[in-house]
Amino acid sequence: MSVFTHLVAELGRLLEPALAESATAAAIVLFTVLVRLALHPLSRAAFRGATPVAGCLPLLLQLPVFFLMYQAFTSGGELLGHRLFAAPLGSRWTEALGEGGPFGAQGLVFLALFGAIAVVAAWSAVRGRRSAAAAARTAAAAAASAPKKKQPAGAAALPELTAEQQEAMRKLGGVLPLLSFGTLITAAVVPLAAGLYLLTTTAWSVAERAWLEYRRARAAEQPADGRVRSTL
């Protein structure tokens, strides 16, 4: 038994008196939250732009956890016998379709999962587009208000973005947030347990970034009083 399987099984036993057969599913959600809490300092550093590598580390460090989750519910073991309501945690969407169709007992569990992931993805897309639009407006205003500096003799002039390039960047900023809907495709082909992990970690990422942006906005609104405040 791997350390991951042992931790999830123990968390499930603790939650079993309250959640019965869905305790292991709740344990997966709780375990994911604990992982994201441990990675929060890295996510905060990435948001503040502390290091270029910090933005990739939270995602990279989650890959082994996702792999262990996938392995635990596909290669046999004690966790395979647990369920989320009517659906086994090791089952996939295609298997649920063969057990009563999309509106059968198992199919409804997957539809609820897909619906929750779609809501989180839509929230992420809306926030991403707003952030991209706000960044574009800020950059345009800064460029317009910046004083023209005389270039030294022989120095190459800094290139300015053309209208076409600015439009391309605006369109790219509108398309990139839609990539969050790719989680739906992944959840449709991995076991239900892995889908729960994807839902939880994606929801955490969106909520975490919204909170960090809120804290930064509040810090920007505070009057300068000569003291350095850490809001992130």
C-alpha atoms as a PDB file:
ATOM      1  CA  MET A   1       0.000   0.000   0.000  1.00  0.00           C
ATOM      2  CA  SER A   2       1.423   3.404  -0.970  1.00  0.00           C
ATOM      3  CA  VAL A   3       1.618   6.308   1.436  1.00  0.00           C
ATOM      4  CA  PHE A   4      -1.050   8.097  -0.601  1.00  0.00           C
ATOM      5  CA  THR A   5      -3.439   5.131  -0.404  1.00  0.00           C
ATOM      6  CA  HIS A   6      -2.842   4.813   3.328  1.00  0.00           C
ATOM      7  CA  LEU A   7      -3.537   8.515   3.949  1.00  0.00           C
ATOM      8  CA  VAL A   8      -6.732   8.531   1.904  1.00  0.00           C
ATOM      9  CA  ALA A   9      -7.921   5.297   3.533  1.00  0.00           C
ATOM     10  CA  GLU A  10      -7.293   6.681   7.028  1.00  0.00           C
ATOM     11  CA  LEU A  11      -9.056   9.959   6.213  1.00  0.00           C
ATOM     12  CA  GLY A  12     -11.951   7.933   4.828  1.00  0.00           C
ATOM     13  CA  ARG A  13     -12.229   5.924   8.043  1.00  0.00           C
ATOM     14  CA  LEU A  14     -12.346   9.134  10.069  1.00  0.00           C
ATOM     15  CA  LEU A  15     -15.150  10.517   7.881  1.00  0.00           C
ATOM     16  CA  GLU A  16     -17.085   7.255   7.538  1.00  0.00           C
ATOM     17  CA  PRO A  17     -19.370   7.757  10.567  1.00  0.00           C
ATOM     18  CA  ALA A  18     -20.756  10.927   9.008  1.00  0.00           C
ATOM     19  CA  LEU A  19     -20.566  10.183   5.274  1.00  0.00           C
ATOM     20  CA  ALA A  20     -20.950   6.388   5.097  1.00  0.00           C
ATOM     21  CA  GLU A  21     -19.892   4.943   1.723  1.00  0.00           C
ATOM     22  CA  SER A  22     -19.040   8.387   0.294  1.00  0.00           C
ATOM     23  CA  ALA A  23     -16.403   8.952   2.990  1.00  0.00           C
ATOM     24  CA  THR A  24     -13.490   8.033   0.707  1.00  0.00           C
ATOM     25  CA  ALA A  25     -14.678  10.527  -1.910  1.00  0.00           C
ATOM     26  CA  ALA A  26     -14.745  13.221   0.773  1.00  0.00           C
ATOM     27  CA  ALA A  27     -11.285  12.075   1.887  1.00  0.00           C
ATOM     28  CA  ILE A  28      -9.977  12.680  -1.639  1.00  0.00           C
ATOM     29  CA  VAL A  29     -11.357  16.222  -1.565  1.00  0.00           C
ATOM     30  CA  LEU A  30      -9.855  16.825   1.885  1.00  0.00           C
ATOM     31  CA  PHE A  31      -6.495  15.391   0.819  1.00  0.00           C
ATOM     32  CA  THR A  32      -6.475  17.684  -2.242  1.00  0.00           C
ATOM     33  CA  VAL A  33      -7.186  20.704  -0.051  1.00  0.00           C
ATOM     34  CA  LEU A  34      -4.283  19.747   2.220  1.00  0.00           C
ATOM     35  CA  VAL A  35      -1.967  19.472  -0.801  1.00  0.00           C
ATOM     36  CA  ARG A  36      -3.029  22.892  -2.065  1.00  0.00           C
ATOM     37  CA  LEU A  37      -2.579  24.417   1.381  1.00  0.00           C
ATOM     38  CA  ALA A  38       0.976  23.102   1.410  1.00  0.00           C
ATOM     39  CA  LEU A  39       1.578  24.637  -2.036  1.00  0.00           C
ATOM     40  CA  HIS A  40      -0.005  27.989  -1.200  1.00  0.00           C
ATOM     41  CA  PRO A  41       3.324  29.756  -0.464  1.00  0.00           C
ATOM     42  CA  LEU A  42       4.548  28.823  -3.948  1.00  0.00           C
ATOM     43  CA  SER A  43       1.299  29.978  -5.537  1.00  0.00           C
ATOM     44  CA  ARG A  44       1.559  33.262  -3.657  1.00  0.00           C
ATOM     45  CA  ALA A  45       5.151  33.722  -4.809  1.00  0.00           C
ATOM     46  CA  ALA A  46       4.106  33.034  -8.402  1.00  0.00           C
ATOM     47  CA  PHE A  47       1.314  35.590  -8.150  1.00  0.00           C
ATOM     48  CA  ARG A  48       3.707  38.211  -6.830  1.00  0.00           C
ATOM     49  CA  GLY A  49       6.222  37.392  -9.562  1.00  0.00           C
ATOM     50  CA  ALA A  50       8.940  36.517  -7.082  1.00  0.00           C
ATOM     51  CA  THR A  51      10.645  34.004  -9.357  1.00  0.00           C
ATOM     52  CA  PRO A  52       9.974  32.866 -12.935  1.00  0.00           C
ATOM     53  CA  VAL A  53      10.048  29.220 -11.865  1.00  0.00           C
ATOM     54  CA  ALA A  54       7.540  29.711  -9.059  1.00  0.00           C
ATOM     55  CA  GLY A  55       4.643  29.870 -11.505  1.00  0.00           C
ATOM     56  CA  CYS A  56       5.328  26.330 -12.743  1.00  0.00           C
ATOM     57  CA  LEU A  57       6.201  24.662  -9.453  1.00  0.00           C
ATOM     58  CA  PRO A  58       2.667  24.314  -8.017  1.00  0.00           C
ATOM     59  CA  LEU A  59       1.500  22.533 -11.169  1.00  0.00           C
ATOM     60  CA  LEU A  60       4.597  20.350 -11.444  1.00  0.00           C
ATOM     61  CA  LEU A  61       4.430  19.308  -7.801  1.00  0.00           C
ATOM     62  CA  GLN A  62       0.809  18.226  -8.230  1.00  0.00           C
ATOM     63  CA  LEU A  63       1.573  15.861 -11.104  1.00  0.00           C
ATOM     64  CA  PRO A  64       2.922  13.055  -8.860  1.00  0.00           C
ATOM     65  CA  VAL A  65      -0.172  13.350  -6.660  1.00  0.00           C
ATOM     66  CA  PHE A  66      -2.467  13.076  -9.678  1.00  0.00           C
ATOM     67  CA  PHE A  67      -0.471  10.091 -10.954  1.00  0.00           C
ATOM     68  CA  LEU A  68      -0.760   8.331  -7.577  1.00  0.00           C
ATOM     69  CA  MET A  69      -4.490   9.062  -7.548  1.00  0.00           C
ATOM     70  CA  TYR A  70      -4.845   7.554 -11.000  1.00  0.00           C
ATOM     71  CA  GLN A  71      -2.801   4.489 -10.090  1.00  0.00           C
ATOM     72  CA  ALA A  72      -4.660   3.877  -6.831  1.00  0.00           C
ATOM     73  CA  PHE A  73      -8.001   3.610  -8.621  1.00  0.00           C
ATOM     74  CA  THR A  74      -6.891   1.693 -11.703  1.00  0.00           C
ATOM     75  CA  SER A  75      -4.404  -0.913 -10.481  1.00  0.00           C
ATOM     76  CA  GLY A  76      -6.493  -2.563  -7.788  1.00  0.00           C
ATOM     77  CA  GLY A  77      -6.403  -2.175  -4.033  1.00  0.00           C
ATOM     78  CA  GLU A  78      -8.726  -1.470  -1.171  1.00  0.00           C
ATOM     79  CA  LEU A  79      -9.878   1.901  -2.508  1.00  0.00           C
ATOM     80  CA  LEU A  80     -11.551   0.386  -5.563  1.00  0.00           C
ATOM     81  CA  GLY A  81     -14.492  -0.827  -3.502  1.00  0.00           C
ATOM     82  CA  HIS A  82     -15.527   2.672  -2.410  1.00  0.00           C
ATOM     83  CA  ARG A  83     -18.163   4.845  -4.056  1.00  0.00           C
ATOM     84  CA  LEU A  84     -19.482   8.341  -4.445  1.00  0.00           C
ATOM     85  CA  PHE A  85     -23.193   7.702  -4.040  1.00  0.00           C
ATOM     86  CA  ALA A  86     -23.965   5.091  -6.725  1.00  0.00           C
ATOM     87  CA  ALA A  87     -20.755   5.414  -8.775  1.00  0.00           C
ATOM     88  CA  PRO A  88     -17.560   3.472  -7.926  1.00  0.00           C
ATOM     89  CA  LEU A  89     -14.582   5.785  -7.512  1.00  0.00           C
ATOM     90  CA  GLY A  90     -12.616   3.691  -9.995  1.00  0.00           C
ATOM     91  CA  SER A  91     -15.258   3.874 -12.732  1.00  0.00           C
ATOM     92  CA  ARG A  92     -15.140   6.052 -15.842  1.00  0.00           C
ATOM     93  CA  TRP A  93     -17.795   7.968 -17.760  1.00  0.00           C
ATOM     94  CA  THR A  94     -17.927   5.341 -20.503  1.00  0.00           C
ATOM     95  CA  GLU A  95     -18.572   2.625 -17.926  1.00  0.00           C
ATOM     96  CA  ALA A  96     -21.320   4.684 -16.323  1.00  0.00           C
ATOM     97  CA  LEU A  97     -23.019   5.011 -19.715  1.00  0.00           C
ATOM     98  CA  GLY A  98     -23.213   1.214 -19.844  1.00  0.00           C
ATOM     99  CA  GLU A  99     -24.870   1.107 -16.421  1.00  0.00           C
ATOM    100  CA  GLY A 100     -28.130   2.882 -17.132  1.00  0.00           C
ATOM    101  CA  GLY A 101     -27.054   5.602 -19.550  1.00  0.00           C
ATOM    102  CA  PRO A 102     -26.279   9.258 -18.799  1.00  0.00           C
ATOM    103  CA  PHE A 103     -29.311   9.594 -16.526  1.00  0.00           C
ATOM    104  CA  GLY A 104     -28.826   6.348 -14.660  1.00  0.00           C
ATOM    105  CA  ALA A 105     -27.674   6.258 -11.042  1.00  0.00           C
ATOM    106  CA  GLN A 106     -23.987   6.293 -11.964  1.00  0.00           C
ATOM    107  CA  GLY A 107     -24.437   8.615 -14.923  1.00  0.00           C
ATOM    108  CA  LEU A 108     -26.044  11.291 -12.745  1.00  0.00           C
ATOM    109  CA  VAL A 109     -22.994  11.316 -10.465  1.00  0.00           C
ATOM    110  CA  PHE A 110     -20.741  12.003 -13.455  1.00  0.00           C
ATOM    111  CA  LEU A 111     -23.120  14.646 -14.803  1.00  0.00           C
ATOM    112  CA  ALA A 112     -22.985  16.420 -11.439  1.00  0.00           C
ATOM    113  CA  LEU A 113     -19.186  16.267 -11.549  1.00  0.00           C
ATOM    114  CA  PHE A 114     -19.093  17.635 -15.105  1.00  0.00           C
ATOM    115  CA  GLY A 115     -21.538  20.395 -14.166  1.00  0.00           C
ATOM    116  CA  ALA A 116     -19.399  21.474 -11.215  1.00  0.00           C
ATOM    117  CA  ILE A 117     -16.243  21.470 -13.355  1.00  0.00           C
ATOM    118  CA  ALA A 118     -18.033  23.520 -16.037  1.00  0.00           C
ATOM    119  CA  VAL A 119     -19.092  26.118 -13.461  1.00  0.00           C
ATOM    120  CA  VAL A 120     -15.519  26.430 -12.177  1.00  0.00           C
ATOM    121  CA  ALA A 121     -14.158  26.620 -15.738  1.00  0.00           C
ATOM    122  CA  ALA A 122     -16.680  29.326 -16.654  1.00  0.00           C
ATOM    123  CA  TRP A 123     -15.728  31.313 -13.553  1.00  0.00           C
ATOM    124  CA  SER A 124     -12.070  30.941 -14.461  1.00  0.00           C
ATOM    125  CA  ALA A 125     -12.714  32.021 -18.066  1.00  0.00           C
ATOM    126  CA  VAL A 126     -14.649  35.124 -17.021  1.00  0.00           C
ATOM    127  CA  ARG A 127     -11.996  36.163 -14.525  1.00  0.00           C
ATOM    128  CA  GLY A 128      -9.240  35.447 -17.036  1.00  0.00           C
ATOM    129  CA  ARG A 129     -10.814  37.636 -19.688  1.00  0.00           C
ATOM    130  CA  ARG A 130     -11.361  40.444 -17.218  1.00  0.00           C
ATOM    131  CA  SER A 131      -7.775  40.226 -16.028  1.00  0.00           C
ATOM    132  CA  ALA A 132      -6.462  40.205 -19.602  1.00  0.00           C
ATOM    133  CA  ALA A 133      -8.603  43.212 -20.520  1.00  0.00           C
ATOM    134  CA  ALA A 134      -7.519  45.100 -17.403  1.00  0.00           C
ATOM    135  CA  ALA A 135      -3.854  44.333 -18.102  1.00  0.00           C
ATOM    136  CA  ALA A 136      -4.216  45.527 -21.697  1.00  0.00           C
ATOM    137  CA  ARG A 137      -5.847  48.786 -20.569  1.00  0.00           C
ATOM    138  CA  THR A 138      -3.151  49.348 -17.960  1.00  0.00           C
ATOM    139  CA  ALA A 139      -0.374  48.722 -20.472  1.00  0.00           C
ATOM    140  CA  ALA A 140      -1.972  51.040 -23.037  1.00  0.00           C
ATOM    141  CA  ALA A 141      -2.446  53.802 -20.470  1.00  0.00           C
ATOM    142  CA  ALA A 142       1.135  53.447 -19.260  1.00  0.00           C
ATOM    143  CA  ALA A 143       2.463  53.591 -22.804  1.00  0.00           C
ATOM    144  CA  ALA A 144       0.378  56.663 -23.597  1.00  0.00           C
ATOM    145  CA  SER A 145       1.402  58.537 -20.461  1.00  0.00           C
ATOM    146  CA  ALA A 146       5.086  57.587 -20.528  1.00  0.00           C
ATOM    147  CA  PRO A 147       7.314  60.501 -21.613  1.00  0.00           C
ATOM    148  CA  LYS A 148       9.212  60.102 -24.824  1.00  0.00           C
ATOM    149  CA  LYS A 149      12.882  59.524 -24.096  1.00  0.00           C
ATOM    150  CA  LYS A 150      15.591  60.506 -26.503  1.00  0.00           C
ATOM    151  CA  GLN A 151      17.564  57.486 -27.644  1.00  0.00           C
ATOM    152  CA  PRO A 152      21.360  57.668 -27.372  1.00  0.00           C
ATOM    153  CA  ALA A 153      23.245  57.901 -30.620  1.00  0.00           C
ATOM    154  CA  GLY A 154      23.679  54.496 -32.186  1.00  0.00           C
ATOM    155  CA  ALA A 155      21.164  52.823 -29.853  1.00  0.00           C
ATOM    156  CA  ALA A 156      18.398  50.774 -31.391  1.00  0.00           C
ATOM    157  CA  ALA A 157      14.932  52.134 -30.809  1.00  0.00           C
ATOM    158  CA  LEU A 158      12.608  49.988 -28.720  1.00  0.00           C
ATOM    159  CA  PRO A 159       9.917  48.401 -30.881  1.00  0.00           C
ATOM    160  CA  GLU A 160       6.354  49.553 -30.323  1.00  0.00           C
ATOM    161  CA  LEU A 161       3.365  47.263 -30.710  1.00  0.00           C
ATOM    162  CA  THR A 162       1.348  47.899 -33.819  1.00  0.00           C
ATOM    163  CA  ALA A 163      -2.444  48.003 -33.790  1.00  0.00           C
ATOM    164  CA  GLU A 164      -2.527  44.528 -35.333  1.00  0.00           C
ATOM    165  CA  GLN A 165      -0.243  43.146 -32.623  1.00  0.00           C
ATOM    166  CA  GLN A 166      -2.343  44.720 -29.895  1.00  0.00           C
ATOM    167  CA  GLU A 167      -5.488  43.215 -31.426  1.00  0.00           C
ATOM    168  CA  ALA A 168      -3.816  39.804 -31.616  1.00  0.00           C
ATOM    169  CA  MET A 169      -2.848  40.032 -27.954  1.00  0.00           C
ATOM    170  CA  ARG A 170      -6.397  41.024 -27.038  1.00  0.00           C
ATOM    171  CA  LYS A 171      -7.817  38.038 -28.902  1.00  0.00           C
ATOM    172  CA  LEU A 172      -5.256  35.716 -27.332  1.00  0.00           C
ATOM    173  CA  GLY A 173      -6.242  36.999 -23.914  1.00  0.00           C
ATOM    174  CA  GLY A 174      -9.835  36.082 -24.722  1.00  0.00           C
ATOM    175  CA  VAL A 175      -9.011  32.575 -25.958  1.00  0.00           C
ATOM    176  CA  LEU A 176      -6.525  31.418 -23.319  1.00  0.00           C
ATOM    177  CA  PRO A 177      -9.065  31.422 -20.450  1.00  0.00           C
ATOM    178  CA  LEU A 178     -11.190  28.940 -22.440  1.00  0.00           C
ATOM    179  CA  LEU A 179      -8.457  26.338 -22.009  1.00  0.00           C
ATOM    180  CA  SER A 180      -9.793  25.770 -18.502  1.00  0.00           C
ATOM    181  CA  PHE A 181     -12.669  23.850 -20.109  1.00  0.00           C
ATOM    182  CA  GLY A 182     -10.114  21.206 -21.104  1.00  0.00           C
ATOM    183  CA  THR A 183     -10.498  19.853 -17.577  1.00  0.00           C
ATOM    184  CA  LEU A 184     -13.905  18.568 -18.673  1.00  0.00           C
ATOM    185  CA  ILE A 185     -12.307  16.386 -21.333  1.00  0.00           C
ATOM    186  CA  THR A 186      -9.796  15.007 -18.858  1.00  0.00           C
ATOM    187  CA  ALA A 187     -12.488  14.262 -16.271  1.00  0.00           C
ATOM    188  CA  ALA A 188     -14.446  12.304 -18.889  1.00  0.00           C
ATOM    189  CA  VAL A 189     -11.630   9.794 -19.479  1.00  0.00           C
ATOM    190  CA  VAL A 190     -10.060   9.361 -16.026  1.00  0.00           C
ATOM    191  CA  PRO A 191     -11.550   7.518 -13.042  1.00  0.00           C
ATOM    192  CA  LEU A 192     -14.126   9.325 -10.936  1.00  0.00           C
ATOM    193  CA  ALA A 193     -11.617   9.724  -8.084  1.00  0.00           C
ATOM    194  CA  ALA A 194      -9.202  11.580 -10.371  1.00  0.00           C
ATOM    195  CA  GLY A 195     -12.080  13.737 -11.585  1.00  0.00           C
ATOM    196  CA  LEU A 196     -12.817  14.721  -7.995  1.00  0.00           C
ATOM    197  CA  TYR A 197      -9.179  15.698  -7.574  1.00  0.00           C
ATOM    198  CA  LEU A 198      -9.297  17.811 -10.752  1.00  0.00           C
ATOM    199  CA  LEU A 199     -12.487  19.567  -9.626  1.00  0.00           C
ATOM    200  CA  THR A 200     -11.099  20.359  -6.189  1.00  0.00           C
ATOM    201  CA  THR A 201      -7.678  21.585  -7.306  1.00  0.00           C
ATOM    202  CA  THR A 202      -9.139  23.664 -10.160  1.00  0.00           C
ATOM    203  CA  ALA A 203     -11.691  25.288  -7.860  1.00  0.00           C
ATOM    204  CA  TRP A 204      -8.926  25.998  -5.360  1.00  0.00           C
ATOM    205  CA  SER A 205      -6.733  27.599  -8.044  1.00  0.00           C
ATOM    206  CA  VAL A 206      -9.497  29.943  -9.211  1.00  0.00           C
ATOM    207  CA  ALA A 207     -10.577  30.883  -5.688  1.00  0.00           C
ATOM    208  CA  GLU A 208      -6.978  31.346  -4.566  1.00  0.00           C
ATOM    209  CA  ARG A 209      -6.182  33.707  -7.429  1.00  0.00           C
ATOM    210  CA  ALA A 210      -9.407  35.664  -6.844  1.00  0.00           C
ATOM    211  CA  TRP A 211      -8.459  36.072  -3.191  1.00  0.00           C
ATOM    212  CA  LEU A 212      -4.905  37.169  -3.986  1.00  0.00           C
ATOM    213  CA  GLU A 213      -6.184  39.704  -6.530  1.00  0.00           C
ATOM    214  CA  TYR A 214      -8.649  41.018  -3.970  1.00  0.00           C
ATOM    215  CA  ARG A 215      -5.905  41.424  -1.381  1.00  0.00           C
ATOM    216  CA  ARG A 216      -3.692  43.231  -3.885  1.00  0.00           C
ATOM    217  CA  ALA A 217      -6.532  45.567  -4.859  1.00  0.00           C
ATOM    218  CA  ARG A 218      -7.230  46.342  -1.212  1.00  0.00           C
ATOM    219  CA  ALA A 219      -3.550  47.058  -0.639  1.00  0.00           C
ATOM    220  CA  ALA A 220      -3.514  49.448  -3.613  1.00  0.00           C
ATOM    221  CA  GLU A 221      -6.486  51.356  -2.182  1.00  0.00           C
ATOM    222  CA  GLN A 222      -4.850  51.883   1.204  1.00  0.00           C
ATOM    223  CA  PRO A 223      -3.292  55.331   1.713  1.00  0.00           C
ATOM    224  CA  ALA A 224       0.459  55.426   1.939  1.00  0.00           C
ATOM    225  CA  ASP A 225       1.530  55.847   5.539  1.00  0.00           C
ATOM    226  CA  GLY A 226       5.197  55.066   5.305  1.00  0.00           C
ATOM    227  CA  ARG A 227       4.833  51.505   6.554  1.00  0.00           C
ATOM    228  CA  VAL A 228       5.437  48.403   4.470  1.00  0.00           C
ATOM    229  CA  ARG A 229       2.498  46.048   4.607  1.00  0.00           C
ATOM    230  CA  SER A 230       2.466  42.470   3.460  1.00  0.00           C
ATOM    231  CA  THR A 231      -1.006  41.658   2.136  1.00  0.00           C
ATOM    232  CA  LEU A 232      -0.177  38.553   0.170  1.00  0.00           C
END
